[in-house]
Amino acid sequence: MVDVIPSPSVIVRRGRVEELNQLEEIYRQAYRGLEEYADTTTFRIRNYLNWLYSGEPEGFFVAEVAGRVVGFVSIHAEWWDKCLGETGELHEICVHPHWRGKGVGRQLIEAAIAYARGRGRRCVSLWVGERNWHARRWYRSLGFEECGVQLGEWVRMIKPLEEAHDQ
């Protein structure tokens, strides 16, 4: 008989301001090899994390496994884009490399999208590094589309949100 060790379940919940400093290491690990798209000093990373959280604390979610935070996402549902109008702007998603490929990122994105939908947004948008092929492929698998807009090294992607239908 083979013993199967169940993997711990992932809990996605709202992040707390006192957790921001511990997210620095997750951010650094998530951008390993992609530093061209990341802040790299402690000062800049912590300022960025504070900006993400303070911009819309209700849209800041963390993924936790066995009491340990392993990833986070930040979305601002009250964002204005000159082409899209009101959008849920997905500013950041980071998952510790040990937890990639286990559904953590998908659960974080789903929480962010549900949040934006609950705020009446009709689409979610993001910018992704043009050479971050893995992320671009992953976002496409989640229904995001590259819309042909590029700003320097950043590629614009959008995901239209279907309206909830009464059943």
N, C-alpha and C. Protein backbone atom coordinates (compact mmCIF):
# COMPACT_ATOMS: atom_id res chain seq x y z
N MET A 1 0.84 -1.17 0.00
CA MET A 1 0.00 0.00 0.00
C MET A 1 0.89 1.24 0.00
N VAL A 2 0.53 2.21 -0.83
CA VAL A 2 1.28 3.44 -0.93
C VAL A 2 0.57 4.52 -0.13
N ASP A 3 1.33 5.15 0.75
CA ASP A 3 0.74 6.25 1.52
C ASP A 3 0.75 7.50 0.66
N VAL A 4 -0.38 8.16 0.62
CA VAL A 4 -0.50 9.42 -0.11
C VAL A 4 -0.51 10.54 0.91
N ILE A 5 0.43 11.45 0.74
CA ILE A 5 0.49 12.59 1.64
C ILE A 5 -0.29 13.73 0.99
N PRO A 6 -1.39 14.13 1.60
CA PRO A 6 -2.17 15.20 0.99
C PRO A 6 -1.41 16.52 1.06
N SER A 7 -1.56 17.31 0.01
CA SER A 7 -0.92 18.63 0.04
C SER A 7 -1.79 19.56 0.85
N PRO A 8 -1.16 20.45 1.60
CA PRO A 8 -1.94 21.37 2.42
C PRO A 8 -2.82 22.25 1.55
N SER A 9 -3.96 22.62 2.08
CA SER A 9 -4.86 23.45 1.29
C SER A 9 -4.43 24.92 1.35
N VAL A 10 -4.76 25.61 0.29
CA VAL A 10 -4.42 27.01 0.13
C VAL A 10 -5.62 27.84 0.59
N ILE A 11 -5.35 28.82 1.41
CA ILE A 11 -6.37 29.76 1.84
C ILE A 11 -6.02 31.12 1.24
N VAL A 12 -6.96 31.71 0.54
CA VAL A 12 -6.78 33.06 0.02
C VAL A 12 -7.63 33.98 0.87
N ARG A 13 -6.99 35.01 1.39
CA ARG A 13 -7.67 35.97 2.27
C ARG A 13 -7.10 37.35 2.03
N ARG A 14 -7.77 38.35 2.59
CA ARG A 14 -7.25 39.72 2.48
C ARG A 14 -5.93 39.83 3.23
N GLY A 15 -5.00 40.52 2.64
CA GLY A 15 -3.72 40.76 3.29
C GLY A 15 -3.87 41.82 4.37
N ARG A 16 -2.90 41.84 5.26
CA ARG A 16 -2.88 42.82 6.35
C ARG A 16 -1.62 43.66 6.25
N VAL A 17 -1.73 44.91 6.63
CA VAL A 17 -0.61 45.84 6.51
C VAL A 17 0.62 45.33 7.25
N GLU A 18 0.43 44.66 8.37
CA GLU A 18 1.59 44.18 9.13
C GLU A 18 2.30 43.01 8.45
N GLU A 19 1.75 42.48 7.37
CA GLU A 19 2.39 41.39 6.63
C GLU A 19 3.28 41.88 5.49
N LEU A 20 3.23 43.16 5.19
CA LEU A 20 3.92 43.66 4.00
C LEU A 20 5.42 43.39 4.01
N ASN A 21 6.08 43.59 5.13
CA ASN A 21 7.53 43.38 5.16
C ASN A 21 7.91 41.94 4.85
N GLN A 22 7.11 40.98 5.30
CA GLN A 22 7.44 39.57 5.01
C GLN A 22 7.19 39.22 3.55
N LEU A 23 6.44 40.04 2.83
CA LEU A 23 6.19 39.78 1.41
C LEU A 23 7.38 40.17 0.54
N GLU A 24 8.31 40.90 1.10
CA GLU A 24 9.49 41.32 0.35
C GLU A 24 10.23 40.10 -0.22
N GLU A 25 10.41 39.07 0.60
CA GLU A 25 11.15 37.89 0.15
C GLU A 25 10.38 37.13 -0.94
N ILE A 26 9.08 37.05 -0.82
CA ILE A 26 8.27 36.40 -1.87
C ILE A 26 8.42 37.18 -3.18
N TYR A 27 8.38 38.50 -3.10
CA TYR A 27 8.56 39.35 -4.28
C TYR A 27 9.92 39.08 -4.92
N ARG A 28 10.97 39.09 -4.10
CA ARG A 28 12.33 38.85 -4.63
C ARG A 28 12.43 37.48 -5.31
N GLN A 29 11.91 36.46 -4.65
CA GLN A 29 11.98 35.10 -5.22
C GLN A 29 11.16 34.99 -6.50
N ALA A 30 10.00 35.64 -6.52
CA ALA A 30 9.13 35.57 -7.70
C ALA A 30 9.78 36.22 -8.92
N TYR A 31 10.59 37.24 -8.70
CA TYR A 31 11.24 37.95 -9.81
C TYR A 31 12.66 37.47 -10.09
N ARG A 32 13.06 36.39 -9.48
CA ARG A 32 14.40 35.86 -9.74
C ARG A 32 14.51 35.50 -11.22
N GLY A 33 15.52 36.09 -11.87
CA GLY A 33 15.71 35.88 -13.30
C GLY A 33 14.95 36.89 -14.15
N LEU A 34 14.08 37.68 -13.53
CA LEU A 34 13.31 38.70 -14.24
C LEU A 34 13.52 40.07 -13.60
N GLU A 35 14.69 40.27 -13.04
CA GLU A 35 14.97 41.50 -12.29
C GLU A 35 14.81 42.77 -13.12
N GLU A 36 14.89 42.64 -14.45
CA GLU A 36 14.71 43.82 -15.29
C GLU A 36 13.32 44.44 -15.13
N TYR A 37 12.37 43.67 -14.63
CA TYR A 37 10.99 44.15 -14.44
C TYR A 37 10.67 44.46 -12.98
N ALA A 38 11.64 44.34 -12.11
CA ALA A 38 11.36 44.40 -10.67
C ALA A 38 12.14 45.51 -9.98
N ASP A 39 11.61 45.93 -8.85
CA ASP A 39 12.41 46.73 -7.92
C ASP A 39 13.36 45.74 -7.25
N THR A 40 14.58 46.20 -6.94
CA THR A 40 15.55 45.25 -6.41
C THR A 40 16.14 45.65 -5.06
N THR A 41 15.89 46.87 -4.61
CA THR A 41 16.41 47.25 -3.30
C THR A 41 15.30 47.13 -2.26
N THR A 42 15.68 46.85 -1.03
CA THR A 42 14.71 46.72 0.05
C THR A 42 13.83 47.96 0.13
N PHE A 43 14.44 49.13 0.06
CA PHE A 43 13.69 50.39 0.15
C PHE A 43 12.62 50.47 -0.93
N ARG A 44 13.00 50.22 -2.18
CA ARG A 44 12.04 50.33 -3.29
C ARG A 44 10.97 49.24 -3.22
N ILE A 45 11.35 48.02 -2.86
CA ILE A 45 10.37 46.94 -2.76
C ILE A 45 9.35 47.27 -1.68
N ARG A 46 9.82 47.68 -0.53
CA ARG A 46 8.88 48.00 0.57
C ARG A 46 7.99 49.18 0.22
N ASN A 47 8.54 50.20 -0.44
CA ASN A 47 7.70 51.31 -0.88
C ASN A 47 6.64 50.85 -1.87
N TYR A 48 7.04 49.97 -2.79
CA TYR A 48 6.09 49.45 -3.78
C TYR A 48 4.98 48.64 -3.10
N LEU A 49 5.36 47.76 -2.20
CA LEU A 49 4.35 46.96 -1.48
C LEU A 49 3.40 47.86 -0.70
N ASN A 50 3.93 48.89 -0.07
CA ASN A 50 3.09 49.84 0.65
C ASN A 50 2.15 50.58 -0.30
N TRP A 51 2.65 50.96 -1.48
CA TRP A 51 1.81 51.62 -2.48
C TRP A 51 0.68 50.70 -2.93
N LEU A 52 1.02 49.44 -3.20
CA LEU A 52 -0.01 48.48 -3.63
C LEU A 52 -1.11 48.37 -2.58
N TYR A 53 -0.70 48.18 -1.34
CA TYR A 53 -1.66 47.97 -0.26
C TYR A 53 -2.47 49.24 0.02
N SER A 54 -1.81 50.36 0.15
CA SER A 54 -2.52 51.58 0.54
C SER A 54 -3.43 52.09 -0.57
N GLY A 55 -3.13 51.74 -1.82
CA GLY A 55 -3.97 52.15 -2.94
C GLY A 55 -5.36 51.56 -2.88
N GLU A 56 -5.47 50.33 -2.40
CA GLU A 56 -6.77 49.68 -2.27
C GLU A 56 -6.60 48.44 -1.39
N PRO A 57 -6.60 48.62 -0.07
CA PRO A 57 -6.38 47.49 0.84
C PRO A 57 -7.37 46.33 0.64
N GLU A 58 -8.59 46.64 0.24
CA GLU A 58 -9.59 45.57 0.04
C GLU A 58 -9.25 44.70 -1.15
N GLY A 59 -8.40 45.18 -2.05
CA GLY A 59 -8.01 44.43 -3.23
C GLY A 59 -6.64 43.77 -3.11
N PHE A 60 -6.16 43.66 -1.88
CA PHE A 60 -4.85 43.05 -1.63
C PHE A 60 -5.08 41.71 -0.95
N PHE A 61 -4.77 40.62 -1.64
CA PHE A 61 -5.03 39.27 -1.14
C PHE A 61 -3.71 38.50 -0.99
N VAL A 62 -3.68 37.62 0.00
CA VAL A 62 -2.53 36.73 0.17
C VAL A 62 -3.01 35.29 0.10
N ALA A 63 -2.11 34.41 -0.31
CA ALA A 63 -2.35 32.97 -0.29
C ALA A 63 -1.53 32.41 0.85
N GLU A 64 -2.18 31.59 1.65
CA GLU A 64 -1.55 31.04 2.85
C GLU A 64 -1.66 29.52 2.81
N VAL A 65 -0.58 28.86 3.18
CA VAL A 65 -0.57 27.40 3.28
C VAL A 65 -0.01 27.06 4.66
N ALA A 66 -0.78 26.33 5.43
CA ALA A 66 -0.36 25.92 6.77
C ALA A 66 0.13 27.11 7.60
N GLY A 67 -0.58 28.22 7.49
CA GLY A 67 -0.26 29.40 8.27
C GLY A 67 0.87 30.26 7.73
N ARG A 68 1.42 29.89 6.57
CA ARG A 68 2.55 30.64 5.99
C ARG A 68 2.12 31.27 4.67
N VAL A 69 2.38 32.55 4.51
CA VAL A 69 2.04 33.26 3.28
C VAL A 69 3.01 32.83 2.18
N VAL A 70 2.45 32.42 1.02
CA VAL A 70 3.27 31.92 -0.09
C VAL A 70 3.07 32.73 -1.38
N GLY A 71 2.17 33.71 -1.34
CA GLY A 71 1.94 34.52 -2.52
C GLY A 71 0.98 35.65 -2.22
N PHE A 72 0.91 36.61 -3.16
CA PHE A 72 -0.02 37.72 -2.99
C PHE A 72 -0.41 38.30 -4.35
N VAL A 73 -1.51 39.03 -4.35
CA VAL A 73 -1.99 39.73 -5.54
C VAL A 73 -2.55 41.08 -5.11
N SER A 74 -2.40 42.06 -5.99
CA SER A 74 -2.95 43.39 -5.73
C SER A 74 -3.73 43.84 -6.95
N ILE A 75 -4.97 44.24 -6.73
CA ILE A 75 -5.80 44.78 -7.80
C ILE A 75 -6.46 46.06 -7.29
N HIS A 76 -6.50 47.05 -8.15
CA HIS A 76 -7.20 48.29 -7.85
C HIS A 76 -8.43 48.31 -8.76
N ALA A 77 -9.60 48.16 -8.17
CA ALA A 77 -10.84 48.10 -8.95
C ALA A 77 -11.32 49.48 -9.37
N GLU A 78 -10.79 50.50 -8.75
CA GLU A 78 -11.19 51.87 -9.07
C GLU A 78 -10.12 52.52 -9.96
N TRP A 79 -9.70 51.84 -11.00
CA TRP A 79 -8.64 52.32 -11.87
C TRP A 79 -9.24 52.88 -13.15
N TRP A 80 -8.63 53.91 -13.69
CA TRP A 80 -9.10 54.49 -14.94
C TRP A 80 -8.02 54.33 -16.00
N ASP A 81 -8.40 53.78 -17.13
CA ASP A 81 -7.51 53.62 -18.27
C ASP A 81 -8.11 54.43 -19.42
N LYS A 82 -7.30 55.23 -20.10
CA LYS A 82 -7.84 56.11 -21.14
C LYS A 82 -8.50 55.34 -22.29
N CYS A 83 -8.09 54.11 -22.53
CA CYS A 83 -8.71 53.32 -23.60
C CYS A 83 -9.86 52.46 -23.09
N LEU A 84 -9.71 51.91 -21.89
CA LEU A 84 -10.71 50.97 -21.35
C LEU A 84 -11.76 51.63 -20.49
N GLY A 85 -11.46 52.80 -19.97
CA GLY A 85 -12.35 53.41 -18.98
C GLY A 85 -12.10 52.76 -17.63
N GLU A 86 -13.16 52.53 -16.87
CA GLU A 86 -13.00 51.90 -15.56
C GLU A 86 -12.59 50.45 -15.75
N THR A 87 -11.57 50.05 -15.02
CA THR A 87 -11.05 48.69 -15.12
C THR A 87 -10.56 48.22 -13.76
N GLY A 88 -10.49 46.95 -13.58
CA GLY A 88 -9.79 46.38 -12.44
C GLY A 88 -8.35 46.20 -12.86
N GLU A 89 -7.45 47.03 -12.33
CA GLU A 89 -6.05 46.98 -12.75
C GLU A 89 -5.27 46.04 -11.83
N LEU A 90 -4.84 44.94 -12.40
CA LEU A 90 -4.05 43.95 -11.67
C LEU A 90 -2.61 44.45 -11.67
N HIS A 91 -2.17 44.96 -10.53
CA HIS A 91 -0.83 45.56 -10.47
C HIS A 91 0.27 44.54 -10.21
N GLU A 92 -0.04 43.52 -9.44
CA GLU A 92 1.03 42.59 -9.07
C GLU A 92 0.45 41.25 -8.66
N ILE A 93 1.15 40.20 -9.04
CA ILE A 93 0.90 38.87 -8.50
C ILE A 93 2.27 38.21 -8.34
N CYS A 94 2.52 37.69 -7.15
CA CYS A 94 3.78 37.01 -6.87
C CYS A 94 3.48 35.73 -6.11
N VAL A 95 4.08 34.65 -6.56
CA VAL A 95 3.97 33.36 -5.87
C VAL A 95 5.39 32.85 -5.67
N HIS A 96 5.67 32.42 -4.46
CA HIS A 96 6.99 31.86 -4.18
C HIS A 96 7.22 30.69 -5.14
N PRO A 97 8.41 30.60 -5.72
CA PRO A 97 8.69 29.53 -6.71
C PRO A 97 8.36 28.12 -6.23
N HIS A 98 8.50 27.81 -4.97
CA HIS A 98 8.17 26.47 -4.48
C HIS A 98 6.69 26.14 -4.60
N TRP A 99 5.87 27.16 -4.76
CA TRP A 99 4.42 26.96 -4.83
C TRP A 99 3.84 27.20 -6.22
N ARG A 100 4.70 27.42 -7.20
CA ARG A 100 4.21 27.58 -8.57
C ARG A 100 3.75 26.24 -9.12
N GLY A 101 2.76 26.31 -9.98
CA GLY A 101 2.25 25.09 -10.61
C GLY A 101 1.35 24.27 -9.71
N LYS A 102 0.94 24.84 -8.58
CA LYS A 102 0.08 24.13 -7.63
C LYS A 102 -1.28 24.81 -7.47
N GLY A 103 -1.58 25.77 -8.35
CA GLY A 103 -2.88 26.43 -8.32
C GLY A 103 -2.95 27.67 -7.44
N VAL A 104 -1.85 28.03 -6.80
CA VAL A 104 -1.86 29.19 -5.91
C VAL A 104 -2.12 30.47 -6.70
N GLY A 105 -1.38 30.67 -7.78
CA GLY A 105 -1.56 31.86 -8.61
C GLY A 105 -2.96 31.96 -9.16
N ARG A 106 -3.50 30.83 -9.62
CA ARG A 106 -4.86 30.82 -10.17
C ARG A 106 -5.87 31.24 -9.10
N GLN A 107 -5.71 30.75 -7.89
CA GLN A 107 -6.63 31.12 -6.81
C GLN A 107 -6.52 32.61 -6.48
N LEU A 108 -5.30 33.13 -6.50
CA LEU A 108 -5.12 34.56 -6.26
C LEU A 108 -5.78 35.40 -7.36
N ILE A 109 -5.57 35.01 -8.61
CA ILE A 109 -6.18 35.74 -9.74
C ILE A 109 -7.70 35.66 -9.64
N GLU A 110 -8.23 34.49 -9.31
CA GLU A 110 -9.68 34.34 -9.18
C GLU A 110 -10.24 35.26 -8.10
N ALA A 111 -9.52 35.40 -6.98
CA ALA A 111 -9.96 36.30 -5.91
C ALA A 111 -9.94 37.74 -6.40
N ALA A 112 -8.89 38.12 -7.13
CA ALA A 112 -8.79 39.49 -7.64
C ALA A 112 -9.92 39.78 -8.65
N ILE A 113 -10.18 38.83 -9.53
CA ILE A 113 -11.24 39.01 -10.54
C ILE A 113 -12.61 39.10 -9.86
N ALA A 114 -12.85 38.24 -8.89
CA ALA A 114 -14.13 38.29 -8.16
C ALA A 114 -14.30 39.64 -7.47
N TYR A 115 -13.22 40.15 -6.92
CA TYR A 115 -13.25 41.45 -6.27
C TYR A 115 -13.62 42.54 -7.28
N ALA A 116 -12.95 42.56 -8.44
CA ALA A 116 -13.23 43.56 -9.47
C ALA A 116 -14.67 43.44 -9.97
N ARG A 117 -15.10 42.22 -10.20
CA ARG A 117 -16.48 42.00 -10.66
C ARG A 117 -17.48 42.52 -9.63
N GLY A 118 -17.20 42.26 -8.36
CA GLY A 118 -18.08 42.73 -7.28
C GLY A 118 -18.13 44.25 -7.19
N ARG A 119 -17.14 44.92 -7.75
CA ARG A 119 -17.12 46.39 -7.78
C ARG A 119 -17.67 46.92 -9.10
N GLY A 120 -18.25 46.04 -9.90
CA GLY A 120 -18.90 46.46 -11.13
C GLY A 120 -18.00 46.64 -12.33
N ARG A 121 -16.77 46.16 -12.25
CA ARG A 121 -15.86 46.28 -13.40
C ARG A 121 -16.26 45.29 -14.48
N ARG A 122 -16.09 45.71 -15.72
CA ARG A 122 -16.41 44.85 -16.86
C ARG A 122 -15.18 44.22 -17.48
N CYS A 123 -13.99 44.64 -17.00
CA CYS A 123 -12.76 44.00 -17.47
C CYS A 123 -11.68 44.16 -16.41
N VAL A 124 -10.68 43.30 -16.54
CA VAL A 124 -9.48 43.35 -15.70
C VAL A 124 -8.32 43.53 -16.67
N SER A 125 -7.37 44.37 -16.28
CA SER A 125 -6.24 44.67 -17.16
C SER A 125 -4.94 44.58 -16.39
N LEU A 126 -3.85 44.45 -17.14
CA LEU A 126 -2.52 44.36 -16.52
C LEU A 126 -1.47 44.69 -17.56
N TRP A 127 -0.27 44.96 -17.07
CA TRP A 127 0.93 45.11 -17.90
C TRP A 127 1.87 43.97 -17.53
N VAL A 128 2.49 43.37 -18.52
CA VAL A 128 3.44 42.28 -18.29
C VAL A 128 4.69 42.54 -19.11
N GLY A 129 5.84 42.14 -18.57
CA GLY A 129 7.10 42.33 -19.28
C GLY A 129 7.11 41.58 -20.60
N GLU A 130 7.57 42.26 -21.65
CA GLU A 130 7.51 41.67 -23.00
C GLU A 130 8.30 40.37 -23.11
N ARG A 131 9.37 40.21 -22.33
CA ARG A 131 10.16 38.98 -22.40
C ARG A 131 9.80 37.98 -21.29
N ASN A 132 8.74 38.27 -20.58
CA ASN A 132 8.28 37.33 -19.55
C ASN A 132 7.30 36.35 -20.20
N TRP A 133 7.87 35.48 -21.03
CA TRP A 133 7.06 34.57 -21.86
C TRP A 133 6.20 33.64 -21.02
N HIS A 134 6.73 33.18 -19.90
CA HIS A 134 5.96 32.27 -19.04
C HIS A 134 4.70 32.96 -18.53
N ALA A 135 4.84 34.18 -18.03
CA ALA A 135 3.68 34.91 -17.50
C ALA A 135 2.68 35.23 -18.62
N ARG A 136 3.17 35.63 -19.77
CA ARG A 136 2.26 35.96 -20.87
C ARG A 136 1.44 34.74 -21.28
N ARG A 137 2.10 33.58 -21.35
CA ARG A 137 1.39 32.33 -21.68
C ARG A 137 0.36 32.00 -20.60
N TRP A 138 0.77 32.16 -19.34
CA TRP A 138 -0.11 31.84 -18.21
C TRP A 138 -1.33 32.76 -18.21
N TYR A 139 -1.12 34.05 -18.41
CA TYR A 139 -2.27 34.98 -18.45
C TYR A 139 -3.21 34.62 -19.59
N ARG A 140 -2.66 34.26 -20.75
CA ARG A 140 -3.53 33.85 -21.88
C ARG A 140 -4.35 32.62 -21.49
N SER A 141 -3.75 31.69 -20.75
CA SER A 141 -4.49 30.49 -20.34
C SER A 141 -5.63 30.84 -19.39
N LEU A 142 -5.55 32.00 -18.76
CA LEU A 142 -6.61 32.45 -17.84
C LEU A 142 -7.62 33.37 -18.52
N GLY A 143 -7.49 33.53 -19.83
CA GLY A 143 -8.46 34.33 -20.58
C GLY A 143 -8.06 35.76 -20.86
N PHE A 144 -6.85 36.14 -20.52
CA PHE A 144 -6.36 37.48 -20.86
C PHE A 144 -5.91 37.48 -22.31
N GLU A 145 -6.06 38.63 -22.95
CA GLU A 145 -5.64 38.78 -24.34
C GLU A 145 -4.70 39.96 -24.46
N GLU A 146 -3.67 39.81 -25.27
CA GLU A 146 -2.80 40.94 -25.58
C GLU A 146 -3.56 41.82 -26.55
N CYS A 147 -3.66 43.09 -26.21
CA CYS A 147 -4.53 43.97 -27.01
C CYS A 147 -3.76 44.85 -27.99
N GLY A 148 -2.47 44.56 -28.20
CA GLY A 148 -1.70 45.30 -29.19
C GLY A 148 -1.12 46.61 -28.69
N VAL A 149 -1.26 46.89 -27.40
CA VAL A 149 -0.70 48.11 -26.83
C VAL A 149 0.59 47.74 -26.11
N GLN A 150 1.63 48.51 -26.37
CA GLN A 150 2.90 48.27 -25.70
C GLN A 150 3.47 49.62 -25.27
N LEU A 151 4.03 49.65 -24.07
CA LEU A 151 4.66 50.85 -23.54
C LEU A 151 6.07 50.46 -23.12
N GLY A 152 7.04 50.78 -23.97
CA GLY A 152 8.41 50.36 -23.69
C GLY A 152 8.48 48.84 -23.64
N GLU A 153 8.95 48.32 -22.51
CA GLU A 153 9.11 46.87 -22.36
C GLU A 153 7.87 46.18 -21.80
N TRP A 154 6.76 46.91 -21.70
CA TRP A 154 5.54 46.38 -21.10
C TRP A 154 4.46 46.15 -22.14
N VAL A 155 3.78 45.00 -22.04
CA VAL A 155 2.71 44.61 -22.96
C VAL A 155 1.39 44.66 -22.19
N ARG A 156 0.37 45.27 -22.80
CA ARG A 156 -0.95 45.40 -22.17
C ARG A 156 -1.78 44.16 -22.46
N MET A 157 -2.43 43.63 -21.40
CA MET A 157 -3.33 42.49 -21.54
C MET A 157 -4.63 42.83 -20.83
N ILE A 158 -5.73 42.34 -21.40
CA ILE A 158 -7.05 42.57 -20.79
C ILE A 158 -7.85 41.28 -20.76
N LYS A 159 -8.76 41.22 -19.83
CA LYS A 159 -9.68 40.10 -19.73
C LYS A 159 -11.08 40.67 -19.54
N PRO A 160 -11.95 40.53 -20.53
CA PRO A 160 -13.33 40.97 -20.35
C PRO A 160 -14.00 40.08 -19.30
N LEU A 161 -14.81 40.67 -18.47
CA LEU A 161 -15.53 39.88 -17.45
C LEU A 161 -16.96 39.70 -17.92
N GLU A 162 -17.39 38.46 -17.88
CA GLU A 162 -18.77 38.17 -18.25
C GLU A 162 -19.64 38.65 -17.10
N GLU A 163 -20.79 39.13 -17.46
CA GLU A 163 -21.73 39.55 -16.43
C GLU A 163 -22.37 38.30 -15.82
N ALA A 164 -22.57 38.35 -14.53
CA ALA A 164 -23.24 37.23 -13.85
C ALA A 164 -24.69 37.21 -14.28
N HIS A 165 -25.16 36.05 -14.69
CA HIS A 165 -26.55 35.90 -15.12
C HIS A 165 -27.36 35.23 -14.03
N ASP A 166 -28.58 35.72 -13.85
CA ASP A 166 -29.46 35.06 -12.88
C ASP A 166 -29.89 33.72 -13.43
N GLN A 167 -29.89 32.74 -12.55
CA GLN A 167 -30.24 31.39 -13.00
C GLN A 167 -31.58 30.99 -12.48
